């Protein structure tokens, strides 16, 4: 039954991307909304159980199922597509740099490269 759920959600995701193109200015970061009507009660029950087992909402579980079904697993594991930062990456944000850096030189380089 879980395979059927994943397949159905994948088809719905693909249909929504084909039939509902994103309009400029709508949503943030290209996020869109998908409404699923006439969902089988059994599918909803399984989705609720999976969400409860993971401690997330049904909506988050549906997003995760759609993401897993539509994005190739190899792409998820490469650096090209990372869903979350690692613990070490998050902790590194609060550490002092190993060596001091010249902020003016850095911003000048960024300006020259057209990044600012």
PDB file of N, CA and C in Angstrom:
ATOM      1  N   UNK A   1       0.825  -1.201   0.000  1.00  0.00           N
ATOM      2  CA  UNK A   1       0.000   0.000   0.000  1.00  0.00           C
ATOM      3  C   UNK A   1       0.864   1.258   0.000  1.00  0.00           C
ATOM      4  N   UNK A   2       2.055   1.212   0.682  1.00  0.00           N
ATOM      5  CA  UNK A   2       2.918   2.386   0.713  1.00  0.00           C
ATOM      6  C   UNK A   2       3.459   2.700  -0.676  1.00  0.00           C
ATOM      7  N   UNK A   3       3.742   1.671  -1.460  1.00  0.00           N
ATOM      8  CA  UNK A   3       4.224   1.887  -2.832  1.00  0.00           C
ATOM      9  C   UNK A   3       3.155   2.612  -3.635  1.00  0.00           C
ATOM     10  N   UNK A   4       1.909   2.221  -3.457  1.00  0.00           N
ATOM     11  CA  UNK A   4       0.814   2.873  -4.176  1.00  0.00           C
ATOM     12  C   UNK A   4       0.696   4.334  -3.759  1.00  0.00           C
ATOM     13  N   UNK A   5       0.879   4.613  -2.473  1.00  0.00           N
ATOM     14  CA  UNK A   5       0.824   5.979  -1.966  1.00  0.00           C
ATOM     15  C   UNK A   5       1.923   6.818  -2.600  1.00  0.00           C
ATOM     16  N   UNK A   6       3.125   6.299  -2.625  1.00  0.00           N
ATOM     17  CA  UNK A   6       4.249   7.039  -3.195  1.00  0.00           C
ATOM     18  C   UNK A   6       4.026   7.275  -4.681  1.00  0.00           C
ATOM     19  N   UNK A   7       3.571   6.247  -5.385  1.00  0.00           N
ATOM     20  CA  UNK A   7       3.328   6.384  -6.815  1.00  0.00           C
ATOM     21  C   UNK A   7       2.244   7.417  -7.091  1.00  0.00           C
ATOM     22  N   UNK A   8       1.163   7.377  -6.317  1.00  0.00           N
ATOM     23  CA  UNK A   8       0.071   8.318  -6.531  1.00  0.00           C
ATOM     24  C   UNK A   8       0.525   9.751  -6.258  1.00  0.00           C
ATOM     25  N   UNK A   9       1.261   9.953  -5.172  1.00  0.00           N
ATOM     26  CA  UNK A   9       1.722  11.298  -4.853  1.00  0.00           C
ATOM     27  C   UNK A   9       2.727  11.795  -5.893  1.00  0.00           C
ATOM     28  N   UNK A  10       3.554  10.900  -6.418  1.00  0.00           N
ATOM     29  CA  UNK A  10       4.505  11.292  -7.452  1.00  0.00           C
ATOM     30  C   UNK A  10       3.775  11.743  -8.715  1.00  0.00           C
ATOM     31  N   UNK A  11       2.751  11.009  -9.105  1.00  0.00           N
ATOM     32  CA  UNK A  11       1.975  11.385 -10.285  1.00  0.00           C
ATOM     33  C   UNK A  11       1.306  12.727 -10.069  1.00  0.00           C
ATOM     34  N   UNK A  12       0.741  12.939  -8.889  1.00  0.00           N
ATOM     35  CA  UNK A  12       0.102  14.222  -8.594  1.00  0.00           C
ATOM     36  C   UNK A  12       1.115  15.358  -8.629  1.00  0.00           C
ATOM     37  N   UNK A  13       2.313  15.111  -8.116  1.00  0.00           N
ATOM     38  CA  UNK A  13       3.341  16.153  -8.132  1.00  0.00           C
ATOM     39  C   UNK A  13       3.742  16.503  -9.552  1.00  0.00           C
ATOM     40  N   UNK A  14       3.898  15.491 -10.384  1.00  0.00           N
ATOM     41  CA  UNK A  14       4.272  15.741 -11.768  1.00  0.00           C
ATOM     42  C   UNK A  14       3.154  16.472 -12.501  1.00  0.00           C
ATOM     43  N   UNK A  15       1.896  16.083 -12.250  1.00  0.00           N
ATOM     44  CA  UNK A  15       0.779  16.748 -12.902  1.00  0.00           C
ATOM     45  C   UNK A  15       0.692  18.204 -12.466  1.00  0.00           C
ATOM     46  N   UNK A  16       0.914  18.470 -11.184  1.00  0.00           N
ATOM     47  CA  UNK A  16       0.809  19.851 -10.710  1.00  0.00           C
ATOM     48  C   UNK A  16       1.899  20.710 -11.310  1.00  0.00           C
ATOM     49  N   UNK A  17       3.097  20.140 -11.545  1.00  0.00           N
ATOM     50  CA  UNK A  17       4.165  20.946 -12.136  1.00  0.00           C
ATOM     51  C   UNK A  17       3.911  21.184 -13.621  1.00  0.00           C
ATOM     52  N   UNK A  18       3.199  20.280 -14.281  1.00  0.00           N
ATOM     53  CA  UNK A  18       2.909  20.447 -15.704  1.00  0.00           C
ATOM     54  C   UNK A  18       1.721  21.383 -15.915  1.00  0.00           C
ATOM     55  N   UNK A  19       0.661  21.191 -15.150  1.00  0.00           N
ATOM     56  CA  UNK A  19      -0.574  21.930 -15.372  1.00  0.00           C
ATOM     57  C   UNK A  19      -0.694  23.219 -14.571  1.00  0.00           C
ATOM     58  N   UNK A  20       0.184  23.424 -13.604  1.00  0.00           N
ATOM     59  CA  UNK A  20       0.111  24.639 -12.793  1.00  0.00           C
ATOM     60  C   UNK A  20       1.468  25.321 -12.766  1.00  0.00           C
ATOM     61  N   UNK A  21       1.849  26.002 -13.849  1.00  0.00           N
ATOM     62  CA  UNK A  21       3.150  26.665 -13.871  1.00  0.00           C
ATOM     63  C   UNK A  21       3.209  27.764 -12.826  1.00  0.00           C
ATOM     64  N   UNK A  22       4.405  28.003 -12.322  1.00  0.00           N
ATOM     65  CA  UNK A  22       4.581  29.025 -11.296  1.00  0.00           C
ATOM     66  C   UNK A  22       4.520  30.404 -11.935  1.00  0.00           C
ATOM     67  N   UNK A  23       3.838  31.304 -11.255  1.00  0.00           N
ATOM     68  CA  UNK A  23       3.744  32.669 -11.720  1.00  0.00           C
ATOM     69  C   UNK A  23       4.753  33.509 -10.957  1.00  0.00           C
ATOM     70  N   UNK A  24       5.305  34.522 -11.613  1.00  0.00           N
ATOM     71  CA  UNK A  24       6.273  35.385 -10.950  1.00  0.00           C
ATOM     72  C   UNK A  24       5.609  36.062  -9.767  1.00  0.00           C
ATOM     73  N   UNK A  25       6.356  36.122  -8.665  1.00  0.00           N
ATOM     74  CA  UNK A  25       5.852  36.806  -7.488  1.00  0.00           C
ATOM     75  C   UNK A  25       5.006  35.943  -6.579  1.00  0.00           C
ATOM     76  N   UNK A  26       4.666  34.733  -6.980  1.00  0.00           N
ATOM     77  CA  UNK A  26       3.855  33.877  -6.124  1.00  0.00           C
ATOM     78  C   UNK A  26       4.759  32.957  -5.331  1.00  0.00           C
ATOM     79  N   UNK A  27       4.489  32.829  -4.052  1.00  0.00           N
ATOM     80  CA  UNK A  27       5.253  31.912  -3.212  1.00  0.00           C
ATOM     81  C   UNK A  27       6.660  32.415  -2.992  1.00  0.00           C
ATOM     82  N   UNK A  28       7.381  31.718  -2.133  1.00  0.00           N
ATOM     83  CA  UNK A  28       8.759  32.077  -1.872  1.00  0.00           C
ATOM     84  C   UNK A  28       9.643  30.933  -2.316  1.00  0.00           C
ATOM     85  N   UNK A  29      10.722  31.262  -2.977  1.00  0.00           N
ATOM     86  CA  UNK A  29      11.689  30.282  -3.445  1.00  0.00           C
ATOM     87  C   UNK A  29      11.048  29.224  -4.336  1.00  0.00           C
ATOM     88  N   UNK A  30      10.059  29.600  -5.124  1.00  0.00           N
ATOM     89  CA  UNK A  30       9.463  28.663  -6.059  1.00  0.00           C
ATOM     90  C   UNK A  30       8.588  27.609  -5.413  1.00  0.00           C
ATOM     91  N   UNK A  31       8.074  27.869  -4.246  1.00  0.00           N
ATOM     92  CA  UNK A  31       7.189  26.912  -3.585  1.00  0.00           C
ATOM     93  C   UNK A  31       5.792  27.051  -4.175  1.00  0.00           C
ATOM     94  N   UNK A  32       5.099  25.944  -4.276  1.00  0.00           N
ATOM     95  CA  UNK A  32       3.740  25.983  -4.791  1.00  0.00           C
ATOM     96  C   UNK A  32       2.825  25.178  -3.876  1.00  0.00           C
ATOM     97  N   UNK A  33       1.546  25.308  -4.105  1.00  0.00           N
ATOM     98  CA  UNK A  33       0.547  24.624  -3.297  1.00  0.00           C
ATOM     99  C   UNK A  33      -0.128  23.556  -4.140  1.00  0.00           C
ATOM    100  N   UNK A  34      -0.409  22.426  -3.521  1.00  0.00           N
ATOM    101  CA  UNK A  34      -1.060  21.318  -4.206  1.00  0.00           C
ATOM    102  C   UNK A  34      -2.234  20.863  -3.347  1.00  0.00           C
ATOM    103  N   UNK A  35      -3.418  20.826  -3.930  1.00  0.00           N
ATOM    104  CA  UNK A  35      -4.607  20.334  -3.241  1.00  0.00           C
ATOM    105  C   UNK A  35      -4.962  18.977  -3.816  1.00  0.00           C
ATOM    106  N   UNK A  36      -5.141  17.991  -2.948  1.00  0.00           N
ATOM    107  CA  UNK A  36      -5.484  16.638  -3.397  1.00  0.00           C
ATOM    108  C   UNK A  36      -6.908  16.356  -2.959  1.00  0.00           C
ATOM    109  N   UNK A  37      -7.792  16.177  -3.920  1.00  0.00           N
ATOM    110  CA  UNK A  37      -9.193  15.871  -3.627  1.00  0.00           C
ATOM    111  C   UNK A  37      -9.434  14.382  -3.815  1.00  0.00           C
ATOM    112  N   UNK A  38     -10.489  13.888  -3.176  1.00  0.00           N
ATOM    113  CA  UNK A  38     -10.918  12.488  -3.303  1.00  0.00           C
ATOM    114  C   UNK A  38      -9.809  11.504  -2.952  1.00  0.00           C
ATOM    115  N   UNK A  39      -9.077  11.802  -1.900  1.00  0.00           N
ATOM    116  CA  UNK A  39      -8.012  10.918  -1.435  1.00  0.00           C
ATOM    117  C   UNK A  39      -8.638   9.737  -0.704  1.00  0.00           C
ATOM    118  N   UNK A  40      -8.221   8.543  -1.044  1.00  0.00           N
ATOM    119  CA  UNK A  40      -8.729   7.324  -0.431  1.00  0.00           C
ATOM    120  C   UNK A  40      -8.472   7.356   1.079  1.00  0.00           C
ATOM    121  N   UNK A  41      -9.447   6.935   1.876  1.00  0.00           N
ATOM    122  CA  UNK A  41      -9.302   6.944   3.331  1.00  0.00           C
ATOM    123  C   UNK A  41      -8.131   6.085   3.793  1.00  0.00           C
ATOM    124  N   UNK A  42      -7.903   4.976   3.110  1.00  0.00           N
ATOM    125  CA  UNK A  42      -6.778   4.111   3.473  1.00  0.00           C
ATOM    126  C   UNK A  42      -5.436   4.794   3.275  1.00  0.00           C
ATOM    127  N   UNK A  43      -5.321   5.563   2.199  1.00  0.00           N
ATOM    128  CA  UNK A  43      -4.090   6.296   1.923  1.00  0.00           C
ATOM    129  C   UNK A  43      -3.869   7.356   2.999  1.00  0.00           C
ATOM    130  N   UNK A  44      -4.934   8.056   3.343  1.00  0.00           N
ATOM    131  CA  UNK A  44      -4.831   9.090   4.373  1.00  0.00           C
ATOM    132  C   UNK A  44      -4.438   8.473   5.712  1.00  0.00           C
ATOM    133  N   UNK A  45      -4.987   7.321   6.031  1.00  0.00           N
ATOM    134  CA  UNK A  45      -4.672   6.651   7.286  1.00  0.00           C
ATOM    135  C   UNK A  45      -3.193   6.262   7.338  1.00  0.00           C
ATOM    136  N   UNK A  46      -2.692   5.703   6.240  1.00  0.00           N
ATOM    137  CA  UNK A  46      -1.275   5.320   6.189  1.00  0.00           C
ATOM    138  C   UNK A  46      -0.379   6.548   6.298  1.00  0.00           C
ATOM    139  N   UNK A  47      -0.761   7.610   5.611  1.00  0.00           N
ATOM    140  CA  UNK A  47       0.015   8.845   5.675  1.00  0.00           C
ATOM    141  C   UNK A  47       0.046   9.385   7.100  1.00  0.00           C
ATOM    142  N   UNK A  48      -1.093   9.343   7.783  1.00  0.00           N
ATOM    143  CA  UNK A  48      -1.159   9.797   9.174  1.00  0.00           C
ATOM    144  C   UNK A  48      -0.277   8.939  10.076  1.00  0.00           C
ATOM    145  N   UNK A  49      -0.299   7.617   9.871  1.00  0.00           N
ATOM    146  CA  UNK A  49       0.514   6.714  10.682  1.00  0.00           C
ATOM    147  C   UNK A  49       2.008   6.956  10.449  1.00  0.00           C
ATOM    148  N   UNK A  50       2.390   7.129   9.174  1.00  0.00           N
ATOM    149  CA  UNK A  50       3.796   7.391   8.865  1.00  0.00           C
ATOM    150  C   UNK A  50       4.254   8.707   9.489  1.00  0.00           C
ATOM    151  N   UNK A  51       3.394   9.710   9.432  1.00  0.00           N
ATOM    152  CA  UNK A  51       3.739  11.010  10.006  1.00  0.00           C
ATOM    153  C   UNK A  51       3.882  10.909  11.520  1.00  0.00           C
ATOM    154  N   UNK A  52       2.963  10.204  12.157  1.00  0.00           N
ATOM    155  CA  UNK A  52       3.023  10.051  13.616  1.00  0.00           C
ATOM    156  C   UNK A  52       4.276   9.286  14.040  1.00  0.00           C
ATOM    157  N   UNK A  53       4.643   8.280  13.270  1.00  0.00           N
ATOM    158  CA  UNK A  53       5.835   7.492  13.602  1.00  0.00           C
ATOM    159  C   UNK A  53       7.104   8.342  13.535  1.00  0.00           C
ATOM    160  N   UNK A  54       7.118   9.323  12.639  1.00  0.00           N
ATOM    161  CA  UNK A  54       8.283  10.201  12.492  1.00  0.00           C
ATOM    162  C   UNK A  54       8.170  11.465  13.334  1.00  0.00           C
ATOM    163  N   UNK A  55       6.998  11.701  13.913  1.00  0.00           N
ATOM    164  CA  UNK A  55       6.804  12.891  14.732  1.00  0.00           C
ATOM    165  C   UNK A  55       6.687  14.168  13.910  1.00  0.00           C
ATOM    166  N   UNK A  56       6.128  14.059  12.702  1.00  0.00           N
ATOM    167  CA  UNK A  56       5.931  15.227  11.847  1.00  0.00           C
ATOM    168  C   UNK A  56       4.461  15.326  11.466  1.00  0.00           C
ATOM    169  N   UNK A  57       4.105  16.429  10.842  1.00  0.00           N
ATOM    170  CA  UNK A  57       2.715  16.605  10.409  1.00  0.00           C
ATOM    171  C   UNK A  57       2.452  15.765   9.163  1.00  0.00           C
ATOM    172  N   UNK A  58       1.172  15.538   8.878  1.00  0.00           N
ATOM    173  CA  UNK A  58       0.808  14.821   7.649  1.00  0.00           C
ATOM    174  C   UNK A  58       1.275  15.599   6.423  1.00  0.00           C
ATOM    175  N   UNK A  59       1.190  16.908   6.504  1.00  0.00           N
ATOM    176  CA  UNK A  59       1.615  17.748   5.394  1.00  0.00           C
ATOM    177  C   UNK A  59       3.111  17.577   5.123  1.00  0.00           C
ATOM    178  N   UNK A  60       3.920  17.558   6.202  1.00  0.00           N
ATOM    179  CA  UNK A  60       5.364  17.366   6.038  1.00  0.00           C
ATOM    180  C   UNK A  60       5.661  15.973   5.496  1.00  0.00           C
ATOM    181  N   UNK A  61       4.930  14.977   5.981  1.00  0.00           N
ATOM    182  CA  UNK A  61       5.128  13.610   5.494  1.00  0.00           C
ATOM    183  C   UNK A  61       4.812  13.525   3.998  1.00  0.00           C
ATOM    184  N   UNK A  62       3.730  14.181   3.569  1.00  0.00           N
ATOM    185  CA  UNK A  62       3.370  14.177   2.144  1.00  0.00           C
ATOM    186  C   UNK A  62       4.457  14.868   1.322  1.00  0.00           C
ATOM    187  N   UNK A  63       4.994  16.004   1.829  1.00  0.00           N
ATOM    188  CA  UNK A  63       6.080  16.687   1.123  1.00  0.00           C
ATOM    189  C   UNK A  63       7.292  15.780   0.982  1.00  0.00           C
ATOM    190  N   UNK A  64       7.638  15.084   2.072  1.00  0.00           N
ATOM    191  CA  UNK A  64       8.805  14.200   2.040  1.00  0.00           C
ATOM    192  C   UNK A  64       8.602  13.028   1.087  1.00  0.00           C
ATOM    193  N   UNK A  65       7.393  12.452   1.083  1.00  0.00           N
ATOM    194  CA  UNK A  65       7.099  11.341   0.180  1.00  0.00           C
ATOM    195  C   UNK A  65       7.198  11.811  -1.268  1.00  0.00           C
ATOM    196  N   UNK A  66       6.646  12.989  -1.556  1.00  0.00           N
ATOM    197  CA  UNK A  66       6.719  13.525  -2.916  1.00  0.00           C
ATOM    198  C   UNK A  66       8.159  13.807  -3.323  1.00  0.00           C
ATOM    199  N   UNK A  67       8.932  14.383  -2.413  1.00  0.00           N
ATOM    200  CA  UNK A  67      10.326  14.685  -2.717  1.00  0.00           C
ATOM    201  C   UNK A  67      11.094  13.404  -3.023  1.00  0.00           C
ATOM    202  N   UNK A  68      10.917  12.385  -2.188  1.00  0.00           N
ATOM    203  CA  UNK A  68      11.621  11.120  -2.383  1.00  0.00           C
ATOM    204  C   UNK A  68      11.198  10.432  -3.681  1.00  0.00           C
ATOM    205  N   UNK A  69       9.936  10.587  -4.051  1.00  0.00           N
ATOM    206  CA  UNK A  69       9.440   9.918  -5.249  1.00  0.00           C
ATOM    207  C   UNK A  69       9.832  10.641  -6.531  1.00  0.00           C
ATOM    208  N   UNK A  70      10.065  11.943  -6.454  1.00  0.00           N
ATOM    209  CA  UNK A  70      10.315  12.700  -7.671  1.00  0.00           C
ATOM    210  C   UNK A  70      11.775  13.067  -7.894  1.00  0.00           C
ATOM    211  N   UNK A  71      12.579  13.115  -6.837  1.00  0.00           N
ATOM    212  CA  UNK A  71      13.994  13.444  -6.984  1.00  0.00           C
ATOM    213  C   UNK A  71      14.797  12.160  -6.879  1.00  0.00           C
ATOM    214  N   UNK A  72      15.638  11.872  -7.865  1.00  0.00           N
ATOM    215  CA  UNK A  72      16.423  10.636  -7.808  1.00  0.00           C
ATOM    216  C   UNK A  72      17.258  10.559  -6.533  1.00  0.00           C
ATOM    217  N   UNK A  73      17.321   9.382  -5.944  1.00  0.00           N
ATOM    218  CA  UNK A  73      18.034   9.190  -4.681  1.00  0.00           C
ATOM    219  C   UNK A  73      19.509   9.558  -4.825  1.00  0.00           C
ATOM    220  N   UNK A  74      20.112   9.280  -5.971  1.00  0.00           N
ATOM    221  CA  UNK A  74      21.522   9.617  -6.177  1.00  0.00           C
ATOM    222  C   UNK A  74      21.741  11.121  -6.076  1.00  0.00           C
ATOM    223  N   UNK A  75      20.793  11.888  -6.585  1.00  0.00           N
ATOM    224  CA  UNK A  75      20.912  13.346  -6.531  1.00  0.00           C
ATOM    225  C   UNK A  75      20.787  13.853  -5.100  1.00  0.00           C
ATOM    226  N   UNK A  76      19.949  13.189  -4.300  1.00  0.00           N
ATOM    227  CA  UNK A  76      19.800  13.582  -2.905  1.00  0.00           C
ATOM    228  C   UNK A  76      21.088  13.378  -2.122  1.00  0.00           C
ATOM    229  N   UNK A  77      21.870  12.354  -2.481  1.00  0.00           N
ATOM    230  CA  UNK A  77      23.065  12.021  -1.728  1.00  0.00           C
ATOM    231  C   UNK A  77      24.294  12.800  -2.169  1.00  0.00           C
ATOM    232  N   UNK A  78      24.241  13.472  -3.312  1.00  0.00           N
ATOM    233  CA  UNK A  78      25.388  14.239  -3.767  1.00  0.00           C
ATOM    234  C   UNK A  78      25.334  15.635  -3.183  1.00  0.00           C
ATOM    235  N   UNK A  79      26.435  16.333  -3.309  1.00  0.00           N
ATOM    236  CA  UNK A  79      26.505  17.699  -2.790  1.00  0.00           C
ATOM    237  C   UNK A  79      25.629  18.646  -3.600  1.00  0.00           C
ATOM    238  N   UNK A  80      25.179  18.235  -4.798  1.00  0.00           N
ATOM    239  CA  UNK A  80      24.351  19.088  -5.627  1.00  0.00           C
ATOM    240  C   UNK A  80      22.975  19.331  -5.041  1.00  0.00           C
ATOM    241  N   UNK A  81      22.521  18.463  -4.170  1.00  0.00           N
ATOM    242  CA  UNK A  81      21.195  18.606  -3.577  1.00  0.00           C
ATOM    243  C   UNK A  81      21.269  18.148  -2.134  1.00  0.00           C
ATOM    244  N   UNK A  82      21.284  19.097  -1.229  1.00  0.00           N
ATOM    245  CA  UNK A  82      21.346  18.745   0.176  1.00  0.00           C
ATOM    246  C   UNK A  82      20.147  19.350   0.867  1.00  0.00           C
ATOM    247  N   UNK A  83      19.428  18.534   1.581  1.00  0.00           N
ATOM    248  CA  UNK A  83      18.220  19.003   2.240  1.00  0.00           C
ATOM    249  C   UNK A  83      18.509  19.724   3.549  1.00  0.00           C
ATOM    250  N   UNK A  84      19.519  19.250   4.273  1.00  0.00           N
ATOM    251  CA  UNK A  84      19.806  19.830   5.574  1.00  0.00           C
ATOM    252  C   UNK A  84      21.313  19.943   5.774  1.00  0.00           C
ATOM    253  N   UNK A  85      21.700  20.920   6.572  1.00  0.00           N
ATOM    254  CA  UNK A  85      23.106  21.072   6.929  1.00  0.00           C
ATOM    255  C   UNK A  85      23.454  20.053   8.017  1.00  0.00           C
ATOM    256  N   UNK A  86      24.706  19.639   8.024  1.00  0.00           N
ATOM    257  CA  UNK A  86      25.138  18.705   9.061  1.00  0.00           C
ATOM    258  C   UNK A  86      25.321  19.457  10.379  1.00  0.00           C
ATOM    259  N   UNK A  87      25.412  18.726  11.439  1.00  0.00           N
ATOM    260  CA  UNK A  87      25.603  19.318  12.763  1.00  0.00           C
ATOM    261  C   UNK A  87      26.890  20.124  12.793  1.00  0.00           C
ATOM    262  N   UNK A  88      27.971  19.591  12.221  1.00  0.00           N
ATOM    263  CA  UNK A  88      29.255  20.289  12.216  1.00  0.00           C
ATOM    264  C   UNK A  88      29.184  21.590  11.424  1.00  0.00           C
ATOM    265  N   UNK A  89      28.442  21.587  10.328  1.00  0.00           N
ATOM    266  CA  UNK A  89      28.307  22.808   9.539  1.00  0.00           C
ATOM    267  C   UNK A  89      27.559  23.888  10.314  1.00  0.00           C
ATOM    268  N   UNK A  90      26.558  23.490  11.051  1.00  0.00           N
ATOM    269  CA  UNK A  90      25.803  24.460  11.848  1.00  0.00           C
ATOM    270  C   UNK A  90      26.670  25.010  12.977  1.00  0.00           C
ATOM    271  N   UNK A  91      27.404  24.142  13.664  1.00  0.00           N
ATOM    272  CA  UNK A  91      28.269  24.592  14.753  1.00  0.00           C
ATOM    273  C   UNK A  91      29.398  25.475  14.247  1.00  0.00           C
ATOM    274  N   UNK A  92      29.879  25.227  13.032  1.00  0.00           N
ATOM    275  CA  UNK A  92      30.966  26.028  12.476  1.00  0.00           C
ATOM    276  C   UNK A  92      30.553  27.485  12.269  1.00  0.00           C
ATOM    277  N   UNK A  93      29.271  27.740  12.111  1.00  0.00           N
ATOM    278  CA  UNK A  93      28.802  29.113  11.922  1.00  0.00           C
ATOM    279  C   UNK A  93      29.049  29.977  13.153  1.00  0.00           C
ATOM    280  N   UNK A  94      29.092  29.372  14.323  1.00  0.00           N
ATOM    281  CA  UNK A  94      29.289  30.134  15.549  1.00  0.00           C
ATOM    282  C   UNK A  94      30.740  30.243  15.987  1.00  0.00           C
ATOM    283  N   UNK A  95      31.657  29.578  15.297  1.00  0.00           N
ATOM    284  CA  UNK A  95      33.072  29.615  15.674  1.00  0.00           C
ATOM    285  C   UNK A  95      33.773  30.817  15.074  1.00  0.00           C
ATOM    286  N   UNK A  96      34.839  31.229  15.763  1.00  0.00           N
ATOM    287  CA  UNK A  96      35.682  32.288  15.222  1.00  0.00           C
ATOM    288  C   UNK A  96      36.486  31.723  14.057  1.00  0.00           C
ATOM    289  N   UNK A  97      36.811  32.558  13.077  1.00  0.00           N
ATOM    290  CA  UNK A  97      37.644  32.084  11.974  1.00  0.00           C
ATOM    291  C   UNK A  97      39.011  31.629  12.494  1.00  0.00           C
ATOM    292  N   UNK A  98      39.609  30.676  11.797  1.00  0.00           N
ATOM    293  CA  UNK A  98      40.910  30.164  12.218  1.00  0.00           C
ATOM    294  C   UNK A  98      41.984  31.231  12.120  1.00  0.00           C
ATOM    295  N   UNK A  99      41.875  32.091  11.129  1.00  0.00           N
ATOM    296  CA  UNK A  99      42.822  33.185  10.989  1.00  0.00           C
ATOM    297  C   UNK A  99      42.038  34.444  10.642  1.00  0.00           C
ATOM    298  N   UNK A 100      42.539  35.603  11.031  1.00  0.00           N
ATOM    299  CA  UNK A 100      41.813  36.839  10.719  1.00  0.00           C
ATOM    300  C   UNK A 100      41.818  37.098   9.212  1.00  0.00           C
ATOM    301  N   UNK A 101      40.829  37.831   8.763  1.00  0.00           N
ATOM    302  CA  UNK A 101      40.763  38.158   7.345  1.00  0.00           C
ATOM    303  C   UNK A 101      40.473  39.638   7.192  1.00  0.00           C
ATOM    304  N   UNK A 102      40.899  40.175   6.064  1.00  0.00           N
ATOM    305  CA  UNK A 102      40.713  41.592   5.761  1.00  0.00           C
ATOM    306  C   UNK A 102      39.382  41.759   5.043  1.00  0.00           C
ATOM    307  N   UNK A 103      38.403  42.306   5.723  1.00  0.00           N
ATOM    308  CA  UNK A 103      37.070  42.440   5.170  1.00  0.00           C
ATOM    309  C   UNK A 103      37.047  43.365   3.954  1.00  0.00           C
ATOM    310  N   UNK A 104      37.857  44.442   3.980  1.00  0.00           N
ATOM    311  CA  UNK A 104      37.889  45.360   2.851  1.00  0.00           C
ATOM    312  C   UNK A 104      38.407  44.666   1.598  1.00  0.00           C
ATOM    313  N   UNK A 105      39.469  43.899   1.720  1.00  0.00           N
ATOM    314  CA  UNK A 105      40.006  43.176   0.569  1.00  0.00           C
ATOM    315  C   UNK A 105      38.985  42.180   0.036  1.00  0.00           C
ATOM    316  N   UNK A 106      38.320  41.495   0.941  1.00  0.00           N
ATOM    317  CA  UNK A 106      37.312  40.510   0.543  1.00  0.00           C
ATOM    318  C   UNK A 106      36.158  41.169  -0.215  1.00  0.00           C
ATOM    319  N   UNK A 107      35.654  42.283   0.303  1.00  0.00           N
ATOM    320  CA  UNK A 107      34.542  42.958  -0.380  1.00  0.00           C
ATOM    321  C   UNK A 107      34.990  43.573  -1.701  1.00  0.00           C
ATOM    322  N   UNK A 108      36.237  44.055  -1.768  1.00  0.00           N
ATOM    323  CA  UNK A 108      36.752  44.579  -3.042  1.00  0.00           C
ATOM    324  C   UNK A 108      36.804  43.483  -4.098  1.00  0.00           C
ATOM    325  N   UNK A 109      37.258  42.291  -3.707  1.00  0.00           N
ATOM    326  CA  UNK A 109      37.298  41.160  -4.640  1.00  0.00           C
ATOM    327  C   UNK A 109      35.899  40.779  -5.104  1.00  0.00           C
ATOM    328  N   UNK A 110      34.956  40.777  -4.174  1.00  0.00           N
ATOM    329  CA  UNK A 110      33.574  40.443  -4.531  1.00  0.00           C
ATOM    330  C   UNK A 110      33.000  41.498  -5.471  1.00  0.00           C
ATOM    331  N   UNK A 111      33.337  42.765  -5.232  1.00  0.00           N
ATOM    332  CA  UNK A 111      32.857  43.843  -6.089  1.00  0.00           C
ATOM    333  C   UNK A 111      33.411  43.680  -7.508  1.00  0.00           C
ATOM    334  N   UNK A 112      34.700  43.370  -7.596  1.00  0.00           N
ATOM    335  CA  UNK A 112      35.345  43.196  -8.897  1.00  0.00           C
ATOM    336  C   UNK A 112      34.727  42.023  -9.677  1.00  0.00           C
ATOM    337  N   UNK A 113      34.305  40.983  -8.974  1.00  0.00           N
ATOM    338  CA  UNK A 113      33.714  39.823  -9.617  1.00  0.00           C
ATOM    339  C   UNK A 113      32.227  39.996  -9.897  1.00  0.00           C
ATOM    340  N   UNK A 114      31.679  41.116  -9.492  1.00  0.00           N
ATOM    341  CA  UNK A 114      30.267  41.391  -9.753  1.00  0.00           C
ATOM    342  C   UNK A 114      29.317  40.713  -8.789  1.00  0.00           C
ATOM    343  N   UNK A 115      29.825  40.293  -7.631  1.00  0.00           N
ATOM    344  CA  UNK A 115      28.981  39.629  -6.655  1.00  0.00           C
ATOM    345  C   UNK A 115      28.277  40.603  -5.723  1.00  0.00           C
ATOM    346  N   UNK A 116      28.721  41.831  -5.704  1.00  0.00           N
ATOM    347  CA  UNK A 116      28.074  42.857  -4.868  1.00  0.00           C
ATOM    348  C   UNK A 116      27.493  43.938  -5.728  1.00  0.00           C
TER     349      UNK A 116
END
